[in-house]
Amino acid sequence: MDTRPALRLRTPGVTPSARVALVATSPRGRAAEAHGQRIALATQHLLTLGHRRILLVTAPQRPAAEADAELQAHCQVMLAEGLALLPRLELDPAAPACWPELAATLIGIAPTALLCTQPALARALQTALTPQGELTIVGPETKAGALNASWH
């Protein structure tokens, strides 16, 4: 029985003509909007560092409002810069990762940076990908917005 977690690539559901407004009518909505703004700022930070192929990495079990806010914020920043949207990668930070499969997936997509929506995702990817090349991995709690890990 194969117990490896699935790596799920999701195509962003935002087109260049789509304009999405985050509505903050409840405390949960305001929290989701704030998280989306942090993801937008992190995306912008990676762009100022010269990255043009940024892969958004999320966990599969997220509140819908927060997951939507993250994806919308990231997509809006990328589209505003006229950049292509990479598929979103869903990765369970608690499950044992199949790192050869992950590395093969990343090589196929060729991102220059991974933007993680949770600190646990950033830590797991930094640990797993360190010995294999260069890749910027950013998470909500990383110092100065960017830490380098490596992979080829």
N, C-alpha and C. Protein backbone atom coordinates (compact mmCIF):
# COMPACT_ATOMS: atom_id res chain seq x y z
N MET A 1 0.84 -1.18 0.00
CA MET A 1 0.00 0.00 0.00
C MET A 1 0.88 1.23 0.00
N ASP A 2 0.64 2.12 -0.91
CA ASP A 2 1.42 3.35 -1.03
C ASP A 2 0.88 4.39 -0.05
N THR A 3 1.71 4.79 0.92
CA THR A 3 1.26 5.76 1.92
C THR A 3 1.86 7.14 1.70
N ARG A 4 2.53 7.33 0.56
CA ARG A 4 3.13 8.63 0.28
C ARG A 4 2.06 9.70 0.08
N PRO A 5 2.29 10.91 0.58
CA PRO A 5 1.31 11.97 0.37
C PRO A 5 1.31 12.39 -1.10
N ALA A 6 0.17 12.77 -1.56
CA ALA A 6 0.06 13.22 -2.95
C ALA A 6 0.57 14.65 -3.06
N LEU A 7 1.31 14.89 -4.12
CA LEU A 7 1.69 16.26 -4.46
C LEU A 7 0.64 16.72 -5.45
N ARG A 8 -0.08 17.74 -5.08
CA ARG A 8 -1.16 18.21 -5.95
C ARG A 8 -0.80 19.56 -6.53
N LEU A 9 -0.78 19.62 -7.85
CA LEU A 9 -0.59 20.88 -8.52
C LEU A 9 -1.96 21.39 -8.93
N ARG A 10 -2.25 22.61 -8.53
CA ARG A 10 -3.55 23.21 -8.84
C ARG A 10 -3.34 24.41 -9.75
N THR A 11 -4.11 24.48 -10.81
CA THR A 11 -4.03 25.61 -11.71
C THR A 11 -4.74 26.79 -11.08
N PRO A 12 -4.08 27.97 -11.03
CA PRO A 12 -4.75 29.15 -10.46
C PRO A 12 -6.01 29.48 -11.25
N GLY A 13 -7.06 29.86 -10.55
CA GLY A 13 -8.33 30.16 -11.19
C GLY A 13 -8.53 31.64 -11.44
N VAL A 14 -7.48 32.37 -11.72
CA VAL A 14 -7.58 33.81 -11.94
C VAL A 14 -7.03 34.11 -13.32
N THR A 15 -7.75 34.88 -14.09
CA THR A 15 -7.29 35.29 -15.40
C THR A 15 -6.86 36.74 -15.34
N PRO A 16 -6.08 37.23 -16.33
CA PRO A 16 -5.64 38.62 -16.28
C PRO A 16 -6.78 39.63 -16.18
N SER A 17 -7.95 39.29 -16.72
CA SER A 17 -9.05 40.25 -16.68
C SER A 17 -9.85 40.18 -15.37
N ALA A 18 -9.59 39.15 -14.58
CA ALA A 18 -10.36 39.00 -13.33
C ALA A 18 -9.87 39.98 -12.27
N ARG A 19 -10.79 40.60 -11.60
CA ARG A 19 -10.46 41.49 -10.48
C ARG A 19 -11.21 40.96 -9.28
N VAL A 20 -10.49 40.62 -8.25
CA VAL A 20 -11.08 40.00 -7.08
C VAL A 20 -10.97 40.95 -5.91
N ALA A 21 -12.06 41.16 -5.24
CA ALA A 21 -12.05 42.02 -4.05
C ALA A 21 -12.27 41.15 -2.84
N LEU A 22 -11.41 41.29 -1.87
CA LEU A 22 -11.57 40.56 -0.62
C LEU A 22 -12.48 41.36 0.30
N VAL A 23 -13.54 40.72 0.76
CA VAL A 23 -14.50 41.40 1.61
C VAL A 23 -14.24 40.98 3.05
N ALA A 24 -14.06 41.96 3.92
CA ALA A 24 -13.78 41.68 5.32
C ALA A 24 -14.95 42.14 6.17
N THR A 25 -15.98 41.30 6.23
CA THR A 25 -17.15 41.68 7.01
C THR A 25 -17.19 41.00 8.37
N SER A 26 -16.39 39.98 8.55
CA SER A 26 -16.36 39.27 9.82
C SER A 26 -14.92 39.20 10.31
N PRO A 27 -14.71 38.87 11.59
CA PRO A 27 -13.33 38.71 12.07
C PRO A 27 -12.57 37.68 11.25
N ARG A 28 -13.22 36.58 10.89
CA ARG A 28 -12.56 35.56 10.06
C ARG A 28 -12.20 36.12 8.69
N GLY A 29 -13.11 36.92 8.11
CA GLY A 29 -12.85 37.55 6.82
C GLY A 29 -11.70 38.54 6.89
N ARG A 30 -11.64 39.30 7.99
CA ARG A 30 -10.53 40.25 8.17
C ARG A 30 -9.21 39.52 8.34
N ALA A 31 -9.22 38.39 9.06
CA ALA A 31 -8.00 37.60 9.24
C ALA A 31 -7.54 37.03 7.90
N ALA A 32 -8.48 36.55 7.10
CA ALA A 32 -8.13 36.01 5.78
C ALA A 32 -7.57 37.12 4.89
N GLU A 33 -8.18 38.29 4.94
CA GLU A 33 -7.69 39.41 4.15
C GLU A 33 -6.28 39.81 4.58
N ALA A 34 -6.04 39.84 5.89
CA ALA A 34 -4.71 40.19 6.39
C ALA A 34 -3.68 39.16 5.94
N HIS A 35 -4.05 37.89 5.98
CA HIS A 35 -3.13 36.86 5.52
C HIS A 35 -2.86 37.00 4.03
N GLY A 36 -3.90 37.30 3.27
CA GLY A 36 -3.73 37.54 1.84
C GLY A 36 -2.79 38.70 1.57
N GLN A 37 -2.89 39.75 2.38
CA GLN A 37 -2.01 40.90 2.22
C GLN A 37 -0.56 40.52 2.52
N ARG A 38 -0.34 39.66 3.53
CA ARG A 38 1.03 39.20 3.82
C ARG A 38 1.59 38.41 2.64
N ILE A 39 0.76 37.58 2.01
CA ILE A 39 1.20 36.80 0.86
C ILE A 39 1.50 37.74 -0.32
N ALA A 40 0.67 38.77 -0.51
CA ALA A 40 0.92 39.75 -1.57
C ALA A 40 2.25 40.47 -1.34
N LEU A 41 2.51 40.86 -0.10
CA LEU A 41 3.78 41.53 0.22
C LEU A 41 4.97 40.60 0.01
N ALA A 42 4.82 39.34 0.39
CA ALA A 42 5.91 38.38 0.19
C ALA A 42 6.16 38.15 -1.30
N THR A 43 5.09 38.09 -2.09
CA THR A 43 5.23 37.94 -3.54
C THR A 43 5.96 39.16 -4.11
N GLN A 44 5.56 40.34 -3.68
CA GLN A 44 6.21 41.57 -4.15
C GLN A 44 7.68 41.59 -3.75
N HIS A 45 7.99 41.15 -2.54
CA HIS A 45 9.38 41.09 -2.08
C HIS A 45 10.21 40.17 -2.97
N LEU A 46 9.67 39.02 -3.31
CA LEU A 46 10.39 38.10 -4.19
C LEU A 46 10.60 38.71 -5.58
N LEU A 47 9.62 39.45 -6.05
CA LEU A 47 9.76 40.13 -7.34
C LEU A 47 10.88 41.17 -7.29
N THR A 48 10.98 41.90 -6.18
CA THR A 48 12.05 42.90 -6.07
C THR A 48 13.43 42.23 -5.98
N LEU A 49 13.47 40.98 -5.54
CA LEU A 49 14.73 40.23 -5.51
C LEU A 49 15.08 39.66 -6.89
N GLY A 50 14.19 39.84 -7.86
CA GLY A 50 14.46 39.39 -9.22
C GLY A 50 13.79 38.09 -9.62
N HIS A 51 13.00 37.51 -8.76
CA HIS A 51 12.32 36.25 -9.10
C HIS A 51 11.13 36.53 -10.00
N ARG A 52 10.97 35.70 -11.03
CA ARG A 52 9.85 35.85 -11.96
C ARG A 52 9.03 34.57 -12.05
N ARG A 53 9.52 33.48 -11.47
CA ARG A 53 8.82 32.20 -11.47
C ARG A 53 8.65 31.78 -10.01
N ILE A 54 7.54 32.22 -9.42
CA ILE A 54 7.27 32.00 -8.00
C ILE A 54 6.15 30.98 -7.87
N LEU A 55 6.44 29.91 -7.15
CA LEU A 55 5.48 28.85 -6.93
C LEU A 55 4.86 29.00 -5.55
N LEU A 56 3.55 29.09 -5.47
CA LEU A 56 2.84 29.19 -4.20
C LEU A 56 2.65 27.78 -3.65
N VAL A 57 3.09 27.56 -2.40
CA VAL A 57 2.98 26.25 -1.75
C VAL A 57 2.02 26.38 -0.58
N THR A 58 0.96 25.58 -0.61
CA THR A 58 -0.08 25.64 0.43
C THR A 58 -0.29 24.26 1.04
N ALA A 59 -0.96 24.23 2.17
CA ALA A 59 -1.36 22.98 2.79
C ALA A 59 -2.77 22.64 2.33
N PRO A 60 -3.10 21.35 2.20
CA PRO A 60 -4.42 20.99 1.67
C PRO A 60 -5.59 21.33 2.60
N GLN A 61 -5.41 21.24 3.91
CA GLN A 61 -6.50 21.53 4.84
C GLN A 61 -6.37 22.95 5.35
N ARG A 62 -6.93 23.90 4.62
CA ARG A 62 -6.90 25.31 5.00
C ARG A 62 -8.34 25.82 5.00
N PRO A 63 -8.66 26.79 5.86
CA PRO A 63 -9.98 27.41 5.75
C PRO A 63 -10.15 28.01 4.36
N ALA A 64 -11.32 27.83 3.78
CA ALA A 64 -11.55 28.26 2.40
C ALA A 64 -11.27 29.75 2.20
N ALA A 65 -11.71 30.60 3.14
CA ALA A 65 -11.51 32.04 2.99
C ALA A 65 -10.02 32.38 2.98
N GLU A 66 -9.26 31.74 3.85
CA GLU A 66 -7.82 32.02 3.92
C GLU A 66 -7.11 31.52 2.66
N ALA A 67 -7.44 30.31 2.21
CA ALA A 67 -6.82 29.76 1.00
C ALA A 67 -7.15 30.63 -0.21
N ASP A 68 -8.40 31.09 -0.32
CA ASP A 68 -8.80 31.95 -1.43
C ASP A 68 -8.04 33.28 -1.38
N ALA A 69 -7.92 33.86 -0.19
CA ALA A 69 -7.22 35.13 -0.03
C ALA A 69 -5.76 35.01 -0.42
N GLU A 70 -5.12 33.90 -0.02
CA GLU A 70 -3.71 33.67 -0.37
C GLU A 70 -3.54 33.59 -1.88
N LEU A 71 -4.35 32.75 -2.50
CA LEU A 71 -4.24 32.55 -3.94
C LEU A 71 -4.56 33.82 -4.71
N GLN A 72 -5.61 34.52 -4.32
CA GLN A 72 -6.00 35.74 -5.03
C GLN A 72 -4.92 36.82 -4.90
N ALA A 73 -4.39 36.97 -3.70
CA ALA A 73 -3.37 38.00 -3.49
C ALA A 73 -2.12 37.71 -4.32
N HIS A 74 -1.67 36.47 -4.29
CA HIS A 74 -0.48 36.09 -5.06
C HIS A 74 -0.72 36.29 -6.56
N CYS A 75 -1.86 35.81 -7.04
CA CYS A 75 -2.17 35.93 -8.47
C CYS A 75 -2.29 37.38 -8.91
N GLN A 76 -2.90 38.22 -8.11
CA GLN A 76 -3.07 39.62 -8.48
C GLN A 76 -1.71 40.31 -8.63
N VAL A 77 -0.79 40.04 -7.72
CA VAL A 77 0.54 40.66 -7.81
C VAL A 77 1.27 40.16 -9.06
N MET A 78 1.23 38.86 -9.30
CA MET A 78 1.92 38.30 -10.46
C MET A 78 1.32 38.83 -11.76
N LEU A 79 0.00 38.87 -11.84
CA LEU A 79 -0.65 39.36 -13.06
C LEU A 79 -0.42 40.85 -13.27
N ALA A 80 -0.36 41.61 -12.19
CA ALA A 80 -0.10 43.05 -12.31
C ALA A 80 1.29 43.30 -12.90
N GLU A 81 2.21 42.37 -12.67
CA GLU A 81 3.57 42.48 -13.22
C GLU A 81 3.66 41.86 -14.62
N GLY A 82 2.55 41.30 -15.10
CA GLY A 82 2.54 40.67 -16.42
C GLY A 82 3.25 39.34 -16.46
N LEU A 83 3.33 38.65 -15.33
CA LEU A 83 4.05 37.38 -15.24
C LEU A 83 3.09 36.20 -15.29
N ALA A 84 3.61 35.09 -15.76
CA ALA A 84 2.82 33.87 -15.84
C ALA A 84 2.57 33.31 -14.44
N LEU A 85 1.41 32.69 -14.29
CA LEU A 85 1.07 32.04 -13.02
C LEU A 85 1.50 30.58 -13.09
N LEU A 86 2.25 30.15 -12.11
CA LEU A 86 2.62 28.75 -12.00
C LEU A 86 1.50 28.03 -11.26
N PRO A 87 1.38 26.71 -11.44
CA PRO A 87 0.37 26.01 -10.66
C PRO A 87 0.71 26.10 -9.17
N ARG A 88 -0.31 25.99 -8.34
CA ARG A 88 -0.12 26.01 -6.88
C ARG A 88 0.19 24.59 -6.44
N LEU A 89 1.14 24.44 -5.52
CA LEU A 89 1.51 23.13 -5.00
C LEU A 89 0.91 22.95 -3.62
N GLU A 90 0.15 21.88 -3.44
CA GLU A 90 -0.38 21.54 -2.13
C GLU A 90 0.51 20.47 -1.53
N LEU A 91 0.99 20.72 -0.32
CA LEU A 91 1.91 19.80 0.33
C LEU A 91 1.54 19.72 1.80
N ASP A 92 1.38 18.52 2.32
CA ASP A 92 1.04 18.33 3.72
C ASP A 92 2.32 18.33 4.54
N PRO A 93 2.54 19.35 5.40
CA PRO A 93 3.79 19.43 6.15
C PRO A 93 3.91 18.36 7.22
N ALA A 94 2.81 17.74 7.64
CA ALA A 94 2.85 16.73 8.69
C ALA A 94 3.12 15.33 8.15
N ALA A 95 2.89 15.12 6.87
CA ALA A 95 3.08 13.80 6.27
C ALA A 95 4.53 13.61 5.87
N PRO A 96 5.01 12.38 5.90
CA PRO A 96 6.38 12.15 5.42
C PRO A 96 6.42 12.44 3.92
N ALA A 97 7.31 13.29 3.54
CA ALA A 97 7.35 13.75 2.15
C ALA A 97 8.14 12.79 1.27
N CYS A 98 7.74 12.70 0.05
CA CYS A 98 8.45 11.92 -0.95
C CYS A 98 9.32 12.90 -1.73
N TRP A 99 10.50 13.20 -1.19
CA TRP A 99 11.31 14.28 -1.74
C TRP A 99 11.81 14.05 -3.15
N PRO A 100 12.14 12.82 -3.58
CA PRO A 100 12.51 12.65 -4.99
C PRO A 100 11.37 13.04 -5.93
N GLU A 101 10.15 12.68 -5.54
CA GLU A 101 8.98 13.06 -6.34
C GLU A 101 8.79 14.58 -6.34
N LEU A 102 9.00 15.20 -5.19
CA LEU A 102 8.89 16.66 -5.09
C LEU A 102 9.94 17.34 -5.96
N ALA A 103 11.19 16.87 -5.89
CA ALA A 103 12.26 17.46 -6.69
C ALA A 103 11.96 17.33 -8.18
N ALA A 104 11.44 16.18 -8.59
CA ALA A 104 11.08 15.98 -10.00
C ALA A 104 9.97 16.95 -10.41
N THR A 105 9.01 17.15 -9.53
CA THR A 105 7.92 18.09 -9.82
C THR A 105 8.46 19.51 -9.97
N LEU A 106 9.35 19.91 -9.07
CA LEU A 106 9.91 21.26 -9.12
C LEU A 106 10.76 21.47 -10.37
N ILE A 107 11.52 20.47 -10.76
CA ILE A 107 12.33 20.59 -11.97
C ILE A 107 11.43 20.82 -13.18
N GLY A 108 10.29 20.12 -13.23
CA GLY A 108 9.36 20.29 -14.34
C GLY A 108 8.74 21.67 -14.41
N ILE A 109 8.54 22.30 -13.26
CA ILE A 109 7.92 23.63 -13.21
C ILE A 109 8.97 24.74 -13.30
N ALA A 110 10.17 24.47 -12.79
CA ALA A 110 11.32 25.39 -12.81
C ALA A 110 11.07 26.71 -12.08
N PRO A 111 10.59 26.67 -10.84
CA PRO A 111 10.46 27.94 -10.10
C PRO A 111 11.82 28.41 -9.61
N THR A 112 11.93 29.71 -9.40
CA THR A 112 13.15 30.25 -8.79
C THR A 112 12.91 30.52 -7.31
N ALA A 113 11.65 30.51 -6.90
CA ALA A 113 11.32 30.74 -5.49
C ALA A 113 10.05 29.98 -5.14
N LEU A 114 10.01 29.53 -3.88
CA LEU A 114 8.81 28.89 -3.33
C LEU A 114 8.24 29.81 -2.27
N LEU A 115 6.99 30.20 -2.40
CA LEU A 115 6.32 31.05 -1.43
C LEU A 115 5.37 30.17 -0.63
N CYS A 116 5.76 29.85 0.60
CA CYS A 116 4.98 28.97 1.47
C CYS A 116 4.00 29.80 2.30
N THR A 117 2.79 29.29 2.45
CA THR A 117 1.77 30.02 3.20
C THR A 117 1.81 29.71 4.69
N GLN A 118 2.57 28.70 5.09
CA GLN A 118 2.67 28.33 6.50
C GLN A 118 4.14 28.12 6.87
N PRO A 119 4.52 28.49 8.08
CA PRO A 119 5.91 28.29 8.52
C PRO A 119 6.34 26.82 8.46
N ALA A 120 5.44 25.89 8.77
CA ALA A 120 5.80 24.47 8.74
C ALA A 120 6.17 24.01 7.34
N LEU A 121 5.50 24.56 6.33
CA LEU A 121 5.83 24.22 4.95
C LEU A 121 7.23 24.73 4.59
N ALA A 122 7.52 25.96 4.98
CA ALA A 122 8.84 26.54 4.68
C ALA A 122 9.94 25.74 5.36
N ARG A 123 9.73 25.38 6.64
CA ARG A 123 10.75 24.61 7.37
C ARG A 123 10.96 23.24 6.73
N ALA A 124 9.87 22.57 6.36
CA ALA A 124 9.98 21.24 5.74
C ALA A 124 10.71 21.31 4.41
N LEU A 125 10.39 22.31 3.60
CA LEU A 125 11.05 22.44 2.30
C LEU A 125 12.50 22.85 2.45
N GLN A 126 12.80 23.75 3.40
CA GLN A 126 14.19 24.15 3.62
C GLN A 126 15.03 22.95 4.04
N THR A 127 14.49 22.10 4.90
CA THR A 127 15.21 20.91 5.35
C THR A 127 15.39 19.92 4.21
N ALA A 128 14.35 19.69 3.45
CA ALA A 128 14.38 18.67 2.41
C ALA A 128 15.20 19.06 1.19
N LEU A 129 15.19 20.32 0.83
CA LEU A 129 15.81 20.75 -0.42
C LEU A 129 17.20 21.34 -0.24
N THR A 130 17.70 21.46 0.98
CA THR A 130 18.99 22.08 1.23
C THR A 130 20.14 21.46 0.46
N PRO A 131 20.29 20.15 0.41
CA PRO A 131 21.50 19.62 -0.21
C PRO A 131 21.48 19.56 -1.74
N GLN A 132 20.50 20.11 -2.40
CA GLN A 132 20.37 19.83 -3.82
C GLN A 132 20.52 21.00 -4.78
N GLY A 133 20.88 22.17 -4.45
CA GLY A 133 21.03 23.26 -5.41
C GLY A 133 20.67 24.59 -4.80
N GLU A 134 20.16 25.55 -5.59
CA GLU A 134 19.76 26.85 -5.05
C GLU A 134 18.32 27.16 -5.38
N LEU A 135 17.61 27.57 -4.37
CA LEU A 135 16.20 27.92 -4.50
C LEU A 135 15.84 28.78 -3.31
N THR A 136 15.15 29.89 -3.54
CA THR A 136 14.71 30.74 -2.44
C THR A 136 13.39 30.20 -1.92
N ILE A 137 13.32 30.01 -0.60
CA ILE A 137 12.10 29.52 0.04
C ILE A 137 11.67 30.56 1.06
N VAL A 138 10.45 31.06 0.91
CA VAL A 138 9.93 32.11 1.78
C VAL A 138 8.69 31.59 2.48
N GLY A 139 8.61 31.89 3.78
CA GLY A 139 7.43 31.54 4.55
C GLY A 139 7.07 32.71 5.44
N PRO A 140 5.91 32.69 6.07
CA PRO A 140 5.46 33.82 6.88
C PRO A 140 6.36 34.16 8.05
N GLU A 141 7.19 33.22 8.53
CA GLU A 141 8.04 33.50 9.68
C GLU A 141 9.53 33.44 9.37
N THR A 142 9.91 33.51 8.10
CA THR A 142 11.33 33.47 7.79
C THR A 142 11.94 34.84 7.97
N LYS A 143 13.20 34.92 8.35
CA LYS A 143 13.87 36.19 8.59
C LYS A 143 14.01 36.98 7.30
N ALA A 144 13.74 38.26 7.36
CA ALA A 144 13.93 39.19 6.24
C ALA A 144 13.22 38.75 4.98
N GLY A 145 12.24 37.85 5.11
CA GLY A 145 11.44 37.48 3.94
C GLY A 145 12.04 36.44 3.04
N ALA A 146 13.31 36.08 3.14
CA ALA A 146 13.86 35.10 2.23
C ALA A 146 15.04 34.38 2.84
N LEU A 147 15.01 33.09 2.72
CA LEU A 147 16.13 32.24 3.13
C LEU A 147 16.48 31.39 1.92
N ASN A 148 17.73 31.06 1.76
CA ASN A 148 18.13 30.23 0.63
C ASN A 148 18.28 28.79 1.03
N ALA A 149 17.72 27.94 0.24
CA ALA A 149 17.95 26.51 0.32
C ALA A 149 18.45 26.10 -1.05
N SER A 150 18.90 24.88 -1.18
CA SER A 150 19.45 24.52 -2.47
C SER A 150 18.88 23.25 -3.06
N TRP A 151 18.81 23.20 -4.35
CA TRP A 151 18.46 22.00 -5.10
C TRP A 151 18.81 22.24 -6.56
N HIS A 152 18.95 21.18 -7.32
CA HIS A 152 19.17 21.27 -8.77
C HIS A 152 18.04 20.59 -9.49
